[in-house]
Protein backbone atom coordinates (compact mmCIF):
# COMPACT_ATOMS: atom_id res chain seq x y z
CA MET A 1 -40.67 40.54 -14.18
CA GLU A 2 -37.68 38.42 -13.18
CA LYS A 3 -39.36 37.74 -9.84
CA GLU A 4 -42.52 36.50 -11.58
CA ILE A 5 -40.49 34.20 -13.83
CA LEU A 6 -38.61 32.81 -10.82
CA GLU A 7 -41.79 32.17 -8.86
CA HIS A 8 -43.38 30.53 -11.91
CA GLY A 9 -40.33 28.32 -12.25
CA LEU A 10 -40.44 27.33 -8.61
CA HIS A 11 -44.15 26.62 -8.80
CA PHE A 12 -43.66 24.56 -11.92
CA ASN A 13 -40.81 22.56 -10.40
CA ARG A 14 -42.73 21.79 -7.21
CA ARG A 15 -45.75 20.63 -9.17
CA ARG A 16 -43.58 18.57 -11.50
CA PHE A 17 -41.68 17.12 -8.57
CA LEU A 18 -44.86 15.99 -6.81
CA SER A 19 -46.27 14.56 -10.03
CA THR A 20 -43.06 12.73 -10.87
CA MET A 21 -42.75 11.43 -7.33
CA SER A 22 -46.23 9.89 -7.52
CA LEU A 23 -45.31 8.17 -10.76
CA GLY A 24 -42.05 7.04 -9.23
CA LEU A 25 -43.81 5.48 -6.25
CA GLY A 26 -46.09 3.65 -8.63
CA SER A 27 -43.08 2.39 -10.57
CA VAL A 28 -41.41 1.24 -7.37
CA ALA A 29 -44.56 -0.56 -6.31
CA LEU A 30 -44.83 -2.24 -9.70
CA GLY A 31 -41.16 -3.15 -9.58
CA SER A 32 -41.56 -4.72 -6.15
CA LEU A 33 -44.33 -6.94 -7.52
CA MET A 34 -42.41 -7.96 -10.64
CA VAL A 35 -39.05 -8.34 -8.87
CA PRO A 36 -39.77 -9.28 -5.24
CA HIS A 37 -36.15 -8.87 -4.18
CA LEU A 38 -35.97 -5.29 -5.47
CA LEU A 39 -36.72 -3.72 -2.09
CA SER A 40 -35.46 -6.52 0.10
CA GLY A 41 -32.39 -4.59 1.16
CA GLY A 42 -30.60 -7.91 1.31
CA ASP A 43 -27.07 -7.79 2.70
CA ASN A 44 -24.70 -8.72 -0.10
CA ASP A 45 -21.64 -8.38 2.16
CA GLY A 46 -20.03 -5.86 -0.13
CA THR A 47 -19.94 -8.23 -3.10
CA GLY A 48 -21.90 -5.83 -5.30
CA PHE A 49 -24.52 -8.48 -6.07
CA LEU A 50 -28.23 -7.99 -5.42
CA PRO A 51 -30.04 -11.36 -5.30
CA GLY A 52 -33.07 -11.75 -7.51
CA ILE A 53 -31.97 -9.49 -10.34
CA PRO A 54 -30.01 -10.82 -13.36
CA HIS A 55 -26.92 -8.95 -14.49
CA PHE A 56 -28.17 -8.71 -18.07
CA ALA A 57 -31.09 -9.87 -20.22
CA PRO A 58 -31.24 -13.67 -19.99
CA LYS A 59 -31.70 -15.98 -22.96
CA ALA A 60 -33.10 -18.75 -20.74
CA LYS A 61 -35.35 -18.72 -17.71
CA ARG A 62 -34.99 -22.29 -16.51
CA VAL A 63 -32.73 -25.36 -16.64
CA ILE A 64 -33.53 -29.07 -16.87
CA TYR A 65 -30.38 -31.09 -16.23
CA LEU A 66 -30.54 -34.77 -17.24
CA PHE A 67 -27.50 -36.05 -15.36
CA GLN A 68 -26.36 -39.53 -16.41
CA ASN A 69 -24.70 -40.66 -13.20
CA GLY A 70 -21.78 -43.06 -13.62
CA ALA A 71 -20.38 -41.56 -16.84
CA PRO A 72 -21.71 -42.73 -20.23
CA SER A 73 -19.03 -43.78 -22.67
CA GLN A 74 -18.62 -41.09 -25.32
CA LEU A 75 -17.21 -43.77 -27.62
CA GLU A 76 -20.56 -45.58 -27.70
CA THR A 77 -22.73 -42.47 -27.90
CA PHE A 78 -21.46 -39.26 -29.57
CA ASP A 79 -17.73 -39.52 -30.38
CA TYR A 80 -17.32 -41.79 -33.42
CA LYS A 81 -13.82 -43.31 -33.70
CA PRO A 82 -13.48 -45.75 -36.63
CA ARG A 83 -9.71 -45.85 -36.03
CA LEU A 84 -10.35 -47.65 -32.74
CA ARG A 85 -11.99 -50.50 -34.63
CA GLU A 86 -9.06 -50.72 -37.01
CA MET A 87 -6.64 -50.93 -34.07
CA MET A 88 -8.83 -53.28 -31.98
CA GLY A 89 -6.66 -55.15 -29.50
CA GLN A 90 -3.50 -53.19 -30.23
CA GLU A 91 -1.69 -51.48 -27.39
CA LEU A 92 -2.49 -47.84 -26.57
CA PRO A 93 0.57 -45.92 -27.81
CA PRO A 94 2.62 -44.48 -24.89
CA SER A 95 2.83 -41.20 -26.80
CA VAL A 96 -0.97 -40.86 -26.57
CA ARG A 97 -1.23 -41.78 -22.92
CA GLY A 98 1.75 -39.70 -21.82
CA VAL A 99 2.02 -39.37 -18.05
CA GLN A 100 -1.67 -38.88 -17.46
CA ARG A 101 -3.22 -40.12 -14.26
CA LEU A 102 -5.13 -43.42 -14.29
CA THR A 103 -7.43 -44.90 -11.65
CA GLY A 104 -6.25 -47.62 -9.33
CA MET A 105 -8.39 -50.04 -11.31
CA THR A 106 -6.22 -49.89 -14.46
CA ALA A 107 -2.97 -48.14 -13.45
CA ASN A 108 -1.30 -51.51 -12.90
CA GLN A 109 -2.77 -53.34 -15.89
CA ALA A 110 -0.16 -55.30 -17.84
CA ALA A 111 -1.59 -54.07 -21.14
CA PHE A 112 -3.92 -51.39 -22.47
CA PRO A 113 -5.70 -52.96 -25.48
CA LEU A 114 -7.65 -50.50 -27.62
CA ALA A 115 -11.37 -51.28 -27.80
CA GLY A 116 -13.40 -50.22 -30.80
CA SER A 117 -17.11 -49.64 -30.22
CA PHE A 118 -19.43 -52.60 -30.70
CA THR A 119 -22.16 -50.31 -32.04
CA ASN A 120 -22.41 -48.42 -35.31
CA PHE A 121 -22.73 -44.69 -35.92
CA LYS A 122 -24.46 -42.62 -38.59
CA GLN A 123 -24.53 -38.92 -39.41
CA TYR A 124 -27.66 -36.91 -38.70
CA GLY A 125 -28.98 -33.40 -39.17
CA GLN A 126 -27.53 -30.43 -40.99
CA SER A 127 -24.46 -30.58 -38.77
CA GLY A 128 -23.74 -34.15 -39.83
CA ALA A 129 -23.38 -35.15 -36.18
CA TRP A 130 -22.25 -38.73 -35.65
CA ILE A 131 -24.69 -40.41 -33.25
CA SER A 132 -24.69 -44.03 -32.12
CA ASP A 133 -27.30 -46.55 -33.19
CA LEU A 134 -28.00 -46.94 -29.46
CA LEU A 135 -29.76 -43.55 -29.55
CA PRO A 136 -32.29 -43.67 -32.42
CA TYR A 137 -34.66 -41.11 -30.84
CA THR A 138 -31.88 -38.69 -29.98
CA SER A 139 -30.66 -38.88 -33.58
CA LYS A 140 -34.04 -37.50 -34.72
CA ILE A 141 -33.49 -34.25 -32.79
CA ALA A 142 -29.89 -33.76 -33.97
CA ASP A 143 -30.76 -30.35 -35.39
CA ASP A 144 -31.91 -29.20 -31.95
CA LEU A 145 -28.72 -30.26 -30.18
CA CYS A 146 -25.36 -28.70 -29.52
CA ILE A 147 -23.07 -31.69 -28.93
CA ILE A 148 -19.88 -30.80 -27.06
CA ARG A 149 -17.25 -33.52 -27.58
CA SER A 150 -14.40 -31.77 -25.79
CA MET A 151 -15.47 -31.61 -22.15
CA TYR A 152 -12.78 -32.32 -19.57
CA THR A 153 -12.32 -32.36 -15.80
CA GLU A 154 -9.54 -32.91 -13.24
CA ALA A 155 -11.62 -35.34 -11.16
CA ILE A 156 -11.01 -39.02 -11.85
CA ASN A 157 -13.40 -40.77 -9.44
CA HIS A 158 -17.17 -40.60 -9.33
CA ASP A 159 -17.94 -38.77 -6.13
CA PRO A 160 -15.51 -35.86 -6.60
CA ALA A 161 -16.33 -35.63 -10.32
CA LEU A 162 -20.07 -35.57 -9.74
CA THR A 163 -19.68 -33.09 -6.88
CA PHE A 164 -17.47 -30.91 -9.09
CA PHE A 165 -20.11 -30.69 -11.81
CA GLN A 166 -22.85 -29.85 -9.35
CA THR A 167 -21.03 -27.50 -6.97
CA GLY A 168 -17.85 -26.31 -8.70
CA SER A 169 -15.70 -28.02 -6.07
CA GLN A 170 -14.56 -31.61 -5.67
CA GLN A 171 -14.66 -31.43 -1.87
CA GLY A 172 -18.34 -30.70 -1.40
CA ASN A 173 -20.05 -28.55 1.24
CA ARG A 174 -20.62 -25.88 -1.40
CA PRO A 175 -23.91 -24.67 -2.89
CA SER A 176 -25.07 -26.67 -5.88
CA MET A 177 -25.75 -25.08 -9.25
CA GLY A 178 -29.50 -25.11 -8.60
CA ALA A 179 -28.98 -23.39 -5.25
CA TRP A 180 -26.83 -20.70 -6.90
CA LEU A 181 -29.57 -20.06 -9.46
CA SER A 182 -32.21 -19.90 -6.74
CA TYR A 183 -30.05 -17.38 -4.87
CA GLY A 184 -29.22 -15.39 -7.99
CA LEU A 185 -32.62 -15.28 -9.65
CA GLY A 186 -35.29 -16.13 -7.10
CA ASN A 187 -38.43 -18.02 -8.09
CA GLU A 188 -41.13 -17.59 -10.68
CA ASN A 189 -43.82 -19.54 -8.84
CA LYS A 190 -44.32 -18.83 -5.14
CA ASN A 191 -46.14 -22.16 -4.72
CA LEU A 192 -43.26 -24.34 -5.89
CA PRO A 193 -39.59 -24.54 -4.90
CA ASP A 194 -36.94 -22.93 -7.10
CA PHE A 195 -34.92 -26.15 -7.28
CA THR A 196 -36.22 -29.73 -7.46
CA VAL A 197 -34.53 -33.14 -7.72
CA LEU A 198 -35.80 -36.38 -9.31
CA LEU A 199 -34.00 -39.76 -9.12
CA SER A 200 -34.14 -42.89 -11.30
CA ARG A 201 -31.95 -45.93 -11.83
CA GLY A 202 -31.07 -48.38 -14.60
CA ILE A 203 -29.76 -51.93 -14.36
CA GLY A 204 -26.06 -51.07 -14.44
CA ASN A 205 -23.65 -50.43 -11.59
CA GLY A 206 -25.20 -47.50 -9.75
CA GLN A 207 -22.91 -44.94 -8.17
CA GLY A 208 -24.15 -43.14 -5.09
CA VAL A 209 -26.21 -39.99 -5.33
CA TYR A 210 -26.19 -37.97 -2.12
CA SER A 211 -28.18 -35.03 -0.81
CA LYS A 212 -24.99 -32.94 -0.70
CA LEU A 213 -25.37 -32.69 -4.48
CA TRP A 214 -28.44 -30.50 -4.09
CA SER A 215 -27.28 -28.77 -0.92
CA ASN A 216 -27.57 -25.05 -0.28
CA GLY A 217 -24.07 -25.13 1.26
CA PHE A 218 -23.42 -21.80 2.96
CA LEU A 219 -26.42 -20.12 1.28
CA ASP A 220 -29.72 -19.79 3.15
CA SER A 221 -31.49 -23.14 3.44
CA VAL A 222 -34.40 -21.86 1.32
CA HIS A 223 -32.12 -22.43 -1.69
CA GLN A 224 -31.56 -26.16 -1.19
CA GLY A 225 -33.05 -28.61 -3.67
CA VAL A 226 -36.32 -30.36 -2.82
CA GLN A 227 -36.20 -34.06 -3.63
CA PHE A 228 -39.38 -35.59 -5.06
CA SER A 229 -39.98 -39.28 -4.43
CA LYS A 230 -41.97 -41.79 -6.45
CA GLY A 231 -44.19 -42.79 -3.53
CA GLU A 232 -47.64 -41.67 -2.45
CA ASP A 233 -46.12 -38.55 -0.90
CA PRO A 234 -43.79 -37.06 -3.54
CA VAL A 235 -42.58 -34.44 -1.05
CA LEU A 236 -42.24 -35.67 2.51
CA TYR A 237 -43.73 -33.88 5.51
CA ILE A 238 -45.97 -31.39 3.72
CA ARG A 239 -49.27 -33.14 4.47
CA ASP A 240 -51.28 -31.99 7.46
CA PRO A 241 -51.28 -34.51 10.30
CA GLU A 242 -54.51 -36.35 11.00
CA GLY A 243 -57.06 -34.12 12.71
CA MET A 244 -55.65 -30.84 11.40
CA ASP A 245 -57.44 -28.90 8.66
CA ARG A 246 -56.18 -26.04 6.51
CA GLN A 247 -57.51 -23.34 8.81
CA ALA A 248 -55.84 -24.88 11.84
CA ARG A 249 -52.59 -25.21 9.89
CA ARG A 250 -52.81 -21.55 8.86
CA GLU A 251 -53.35 -20.42 12.44
CA MET A 252 -50.47 -22.60 13.65
CA LEU A 253 -48.09 -21.12 11.05
CA ASP A 254 -49.16 -17.58 11.92
CA ASN A 255 -48.47 -18.18 15.61
CA LEU A 256 -45.19 -19.90 14.82
CA SER A 257 -44.16 -16.97 12.64
CA GLU A 258 -44.78 -14.55 15.50
CA LEU A 259 -42.63 -16.66 17.84
CA ASN A 260 -39.87 -16.91 15.26
CA GLU A 261 -39.97 -13.16 14.73
CA LEU A 262 -39.33 -12.68 18.43
CA SER A 263 -36.40 -15.08 18.21
CA TYR A 264 -35.02 -13.32 15.17
CA ASN A 265 -35.26 -9.92 16.87
CA GLU A 266 -33.31 -11.32 19.81
CA PHE A 267 -30.64 -13.37 18.02
CA GLY A 268 -30.57 -12.03 14.45
CA ASP A 269 -30.00 -15.50 12.97
CA PRO A 270 -31.05 -15.45 9.26
CA GLU A 271 -31.83 -19.18 9.41
CA ILE A 272 -34.84 -18.33 11.58
CA THR A 273 -36.47 -16.37 8.76
CA ALA A 274 -35.35 -19.03 6.29
CA LYS A 275 -37.26 -21.65 8.27
CA VAL A 276 -40.36 -19.49 8.30
CA LYS A 277 -40.13 -19.22 4.51
CA GLN A 278 -39.83 -22.99 4.26
CA TYR A 279 -42.91 -23.52 6.45
CA GLU A 280 -44.87 -21.15 4.23
CA MET A 281 -43.61 -22.85 1.06
CA ALA A 282 -44.67 -26.25 2.42
CA TYR A 283 -48.13 -24.84 3.14
CA ARG A 284 -48.49 -23.55 -0.42
CA MET A 285 -47.07 -26.74 -1.89
CA GLN A 286 -49.90 -28.75 -0.31
CA THR A 287 -52.20 -27.57 -3.08
CA ALA A 288 -49.66 -27.04 -5.89
CA ILE A 289 -47.77 -30.37 -5.75
CA PRO A 290 -50.68 -32.80 -6.30
CA GLU A 291 -51.71 -30.96 -9.45
CA VAL A 292 -48.17 -30.85 -10.89
CA MET A 293 -47.47 -34.51 -10.06
CA ASP A 294 -50.70 -35.74 -11.62
CA LEU A 295 -49.86 -37.32 -14.99
CA SER A 296 -53.32 -38.79 -15.58
CA LYS A 297 -54.44 -35.74 -17.55
CA GLU A 298 -51.62 -35.99 -20.11
CA SER A 299 -52.87 -36.70 -23.62
CA ASP A 300 -52.33 -39.98 -25.43
CA ASP A 301 -50.01 -38.17 -27.83
CA ILE A 302 -47.76 -37.08 -24.96
CA VAL A 303 -47.70 -40.58 -23.47
CA LYS A 304 -46.78 -41.96 -26.90
CA LEU A 305 -44.07 -39.32 -27.26
CA TYR A 306 -42.36 -40.15 -23.96
CA GLY A 307 -43.16 -43.87 -24.06
CA PRO A 308 -45.41 -45.98 -21.81
CA GLU A 309 -42.89 -45.89 -18.94
CA CYS A 310 -43.70 -42.21 -18.43
CA LEU A 311 -46.76 -43.37 -16.47
CA VAL A 312 -44.62 -45.53 -14.14
CA PRO A 313 -43.52 -43.40 -11.15
CA GLY A 314 -39.78 -43.29 -10.57
CA THR A 315 -38.71 -44.13 -14.11
CA PHE A 316 -36.52 -41.80 -16.13
CA ALA A 317 -39.36 -41.28 -18.60
CA ALA A 318 -41.80 -40.30 -15.84
CA ASN A 319 -39.21 -37.93 -14.39
CA CYS A 320 -38.66 -36.28 -17.78
CA LEU A 321 -42.37 -35.65 -18.10
CA LEU A 322 -42.49 -34.29 -14.55
CA ALA A 323 -39.50 -32.10 -15.36
CA ARG A 324 -41.43 -30.54 -18.21
CA LYS A 325 -44.42 -29.91 -15.95
CA LEU A 326 -42.30 -28.45 -13.16
CA SER A 327 -40.38 -26.22 -15.55
CA GLU A 328 -43.60 -25.18 -17.26
CA ASN A 329 -44.90 -24.12 -13.86
CA GLY A 330 -41.90 -21.92 -13.14
CA VAL A 331 -39.43 -24.15 -11.29
CA ARG A 332 -36.07 -22.55 -11.98
CA PHE A 333 -33.83 -25.65 -11.91
CA VAL A 334 -34.98 -29.26 -12.31
CA GLN A 335 -32.24 -31.82 -11.69
CA LEU A 336 -32.63 -35.43 -12.80
CA TYR A 337 -30.14 -38.16 -11.88
CA HIS A 338 -30.23 -41.49 -13.73
CA GLN A 339 -27.89 -44.02 -12.15
CA GLY A 340 -26.28 -47.06 -13.75
CA TRP A 341 -23.74 -45.81 -16.32
CA ASP A 342 -20.61 -47.21 -14.64
CA GLN A 343 -19.58 -49.88 -17.18
CA HIS A 344 -16.16 -51.19 -16.12
CA GLY A 345 -17.18 -54.53 -17.60
CA ASN A 346 -19.99 -56.05 -19.65
CA LEU A 347 -20.32 -52.70 -21.39
CA PRO A 348 -22.15 -53.81 -24.56
CA PHE A 349 -25.07 -55.29 -22.63
CA GLU A 350 -25.33 -52.67 -19.89
CA ILE A 351 -24.96 -49.53 -22.01
CA THR A 352 -27.55 -50.86 -24.46
CA SER A 353 -30.03 -51.12 -21.60
CA GLN A 354 -29.09 -47.72 -20.18
CA ALA A 355 -29.45 -46.04 -23.56
CA LYS A 356 -32.87 -47.59 -24.01
CA ASP A 357 -33.91 -46.23 -20.61
CA VAL A 358 -33.14 -42.63 -21.48
CA ASP A 359 -33.10 -42.20 -25.26
CA GLN A 360 -36.79 -41.80 -26.05
CA ALA A 361 -37.66 -39.70 -23.02
CA SER A 362 -34.68 -37.35 -23.43
CA ALA A 363 -35.60 -36.66 -27.04
CA ALA A 364 -39.28 -36.40 -26.11
CA LEU A 365 -38.53 -33.73 -23.51
CA VAL A 366 -36.79 -31.54 -26.09
CA THR A 367 -39.57 -32.13 -28.63
CA ASP A 368 -42.30 -31.48 -26.05
CA LEU A 369 -40.74 -28.21 -24.91
CA LYS A 370 -40.28 -27.14 -28.52
CA GLN A 371 -43.87 -27.79 -29.55
CA ARG A 372 -45.09 -25.85 -26.50
CA GLY A 373 -42.90 -22.88 -27.35
CA LEU A 374 -40.82 -23.40 -24.20
CA LEU A 375 -37.51 -24.66 -25.59
CA ASP A 376 -36.16 -21.19 -26.33
CA GLU A 377 -36.46 -20.26 -22.65
CA THR A 378 -35.49 -23.66 -21.21
CA LEU A 379 -31.92 -24.96 -21.27
CA VAL A 380 -31.80 -28.77 -21.41
CA ILE A 381 -28.50 -30.51 -20.57
CA TRP A 382 -27.58 -34.21 -20.97
CA GLY A 383 -24.33 -35.79 -19.78
CA GLY A 384 -22.29 -37.42 -17.02
CA GLU A 385 -19.34 -36.61 -14.77
CA PHE A 386 -16.48 -37.73 -17.05
CA GLY A 387 -15.83 -40.06 -19.98
CA ARG A 388 -14.49 -43.56 -20.63
CA THR A 389 -11.12 -44.84 -21.77
CA SER A 390 -10.45 -45.89 -25.36
CA TYR A 391 -8.70 -48.99 -24.01
CA SER A 392 -10.43 -51.92 -22.34
CA GLN A 393 -10.38 -52.43 -18.62
CA GLY A 394 -9.43 -56.06 -18.11
CA LYS A 395 -9.92 -58.73 -20.74
CA LEU A 396 -11.01 -57.66 -24.21
CA THR A 397 -13.16 -59.80 -26.50
CA ILE A 398 -14.98 -58.78 -29.65
CA ASP A 399 -18.37 -58.73 -27.91
CA ASN A 400 -17.46 -57.96 -24.30
CA TYR A 401 -15.24 -55.33 -22.71
CA GLY A 402 -15.32 -52.51 -20.17
CA ARG A 403 -13.95 -48.99 -19.98
CA ASP A 404 -12.32 -47.19 -17.06
CA HIS A 405 -12.87 -43.57 -15.96
CA HIS A 406 -11.46 -40.97 -18.34
CA PRO A 407 -11.52 -37.29 -17.35
CA ARG A 408 -9.41 -36.12 -20.31
CA CYS A 409 -12.31 -35.89 -22.79
CA PHE A 410 -16.01 -36.72 -22.96
CA SER A 411 -19.26 -35.63 -24.57
CA ILE A 412 -22.41 -33.87 -23.41
CA TRP A 413 -25.24 -32.15 -25.26
CA MET A 414 -27.24 -29.00 -24.66
CA ALA A 415 -30.47 -27.82 -26.28
CA GLY A 416 -32.60 -24.69 -26.15
CA GLY A 417 -32.00 -21.74 -23.86
CA GLY A 418 -30.18 -19.68 -26.47
CA ILE A 419 -27.61 -22.37 -27.34
CA LYS A 420 -26.82 -22.87 -31.04
CA PRO A 421 -28.83 -25.82 -32.39
CA GLY A 422 -27.51 -28.36 -34.87
CA MET A 423 -23.89 -27.91 -33.84
CA VAL A 424 -20.96 -30.17 -32.94
CA TYR A 425 -18.31 -28.40 -30.88
CA GLY A 426 -14.82 -29.63 -30.07
CA GLU A 427 -12.78 -32.55 -31.34
CA THR A 428 -10.75 -35.39 -29.85
CA ASP A 429 -7.86 -37.33 -31.40
CA GLU A 430 -8.42 -40.37 -33.62
CA LEU A 431 -8.35 -42.69 -30.59
CA GLY A 432 -10.68 -40.56 -28.47
CA TYR A 433 -8.07 -40.10 -25.75
CA ASN A 434 -7.06 -36.43 -25.84
CA ILE A 435 -8.73 -33.19 -26.94
CA GLN A 436 -7.43 -31.70 -30.18
CA ARG A 437 -9.68 -28.65 -30.55
CA ASN A 438 -11.87 -26.34 -28.41
CA PRO A 439 -11.49 -27.79 -24.89
CA VAL A 440 -14.36 -27.02 -22.48
CA HIS A 441 -13.63 -27.28 -18.77
CA VAL A 442 -16.33 -27.94 -16.17
CA HIS A 443 -16.03 -24.34 -14.96
CA ASP A 444 -16.42 -23.11 -18.55
CA PHE A 445 -19.61 -25.16 -18.81
CA GLN A 446 -20.92 -23.71 -15.53
CA ALA A 447 -20.04 -20.16 -16.59
CA THR A 448 -21.94 -20.68 -19.85
CA VAL A 449 -25.04 -22.03 -18.10
CA LEU A 450 -25.10 -19.03 -15.76
CA HIS A 451 -24.57 -16.67 -18.69
CA GLN A 452 -27.60 -18.05 -20.50
CA LEU A 453 -29.70 -17.20 -17.44
CA GLY A 454 -28.44 -13.64 -17.33
CA LEU A 455 -25.79 -14.11 -14.66
CA ASN A 456 -22.13 -13.16 -14.86
CA HIS A 457 -20.31 -16.03 -13.16
CA GLU A 458 -17.64 -13.63 -11.88
CA LYS A 459 -20.27 -11.47 -10.18
CA LEU A 460 -22.52 -14.18 -8.73
CA ILE A 461 -20.75 -14.08 -5.40
CA PHE A 462 -21.47 -14.91 -1.78
CA LYS A 463 -19.16 -13.93 1.06
CA HIS A 464 -18.62 -16.70 3.60
CA LEU A 465 -16.06 -16.86 6.42
CA GLY A 466 -14.19 -13.92 4.97
CA ARG A 467 -13.90 -15.28 1.45
CA ARG A 468 -15.92 -14.46 -1.66
CA TYR A 469 -17.19 -17.70 -3.21
CA ARG A 470 -18.70 -18.39 -6.61
CA LEU A 471 -19.82 -21.49 -8.54
CA THR A 472 -16.83 -21.30 -10.89
CA ASP A 473 -14.35 -20.71 -8.04
CA ILE A 474 -11.49 -18.63 -9.53
CA SER A 475 -11.68 -19.77 -13.16
CA GLY A 476 -14.10 -20.45 -16.00
CA LYS A 477 -14.96 -18.62 -19.20
CA VAL A 478 -18.17 -18.44 -21.21
CA VAL A 479 -18.05 -20.64 -24.33
CA ARG A 480 -19.37 -17.97 -26.68
CA ASP A 481 -18.95 -20.07 -29.82
CA ILE A 482 -21.96 -22.20 -28.85
CA ILE A 483 -24.27 -19.28 -28.00
CA ALA A 484 -26.87 -18.37 -30.62
């Protein structure tokens, strides 16, 4: 009897094993389709990170970063300081300045006259956020925004400050945030790059924007940002040369892939396979890019929402509309740069023009994503590399002044992607010079962005030259107070 029971148990277990195994293989196959990196066997160099799989359930899938290159003055946009007007022309108290570092442009000034803002502010939304009259469209979406008024950085000049925001290091030669997300999460659309870059420029003093800002650094080159231009060919070098059709291109790529495979087998250089992936992406982009870049099919309501400039290639408005289309089609990280915010002088005229360039389209992007049901899964960010001083650079008059670089405190806003809407976070002193409450460092900001996409910034690691690198270097903490 015991023998019969044992044999029955063995028979049952074998049958169950084979049945379960078949289901398991099906699950693995399904998993490999849904998460392409699942079976890649990628070498993570002992870091414990498997590319392509988030660490936890994400609240956002994609990022659109509206970077205002040159540093918008927080005192003319989101940080209302009536006390500055009352003290207009008076000297910045030494107790406020302390021993803080100044740029070479104002360190040797004879005086530091306080400059109140030329523009007015009003309160908007349930949060009562103070927003400048320069941003009438942005004020209408106040309840969708989380305005952070207590950002700070160590960088005091444009290039290192901009590089710090994008790569987590002031020195450069590191992967940009978009490259880290491409590495960490992979792509949603095989026909489009994970990371794209769009450039525009206002009338103000334009600081340089360099390709190192969307570099892959030491990551595989497939993770670098793809810059789109405003010309006839938005992405260079993806068109077939004259006399070559699609079939010929396909055969050429197949033959090239075979040759590269031989090279890889001989040398083992991962950049060989990365190049093959880039060739294949370019081939697929030939059909995907023209459709995404075509704005002629947008409705009149959408054109009205973004403003007529959205149909002019290369403008900030056109780039915002393209950003929505790219994000909607699964591009993981869309980076916009709008140059011209460097107002060391003639600030009232220049910042008015800059604000007009970006105000309507920035608000339209948030509204457009919201009405399409995409805002919850798309994190939109607006801001520059540092702030502006509460004192005037050079001569101060009632209708003309400038402001120097100020890394001690500045404002940005975030919307969607699981960030609390209708919120003002952080506070500066009455002169807008130092942070009084809830400071947010650049690395804290980066850690929070990664967190919203399901990535632990302390675990998103890549080993290079014997060191484990991450976007937030050796610091940074998630700002949980602003997470919904």
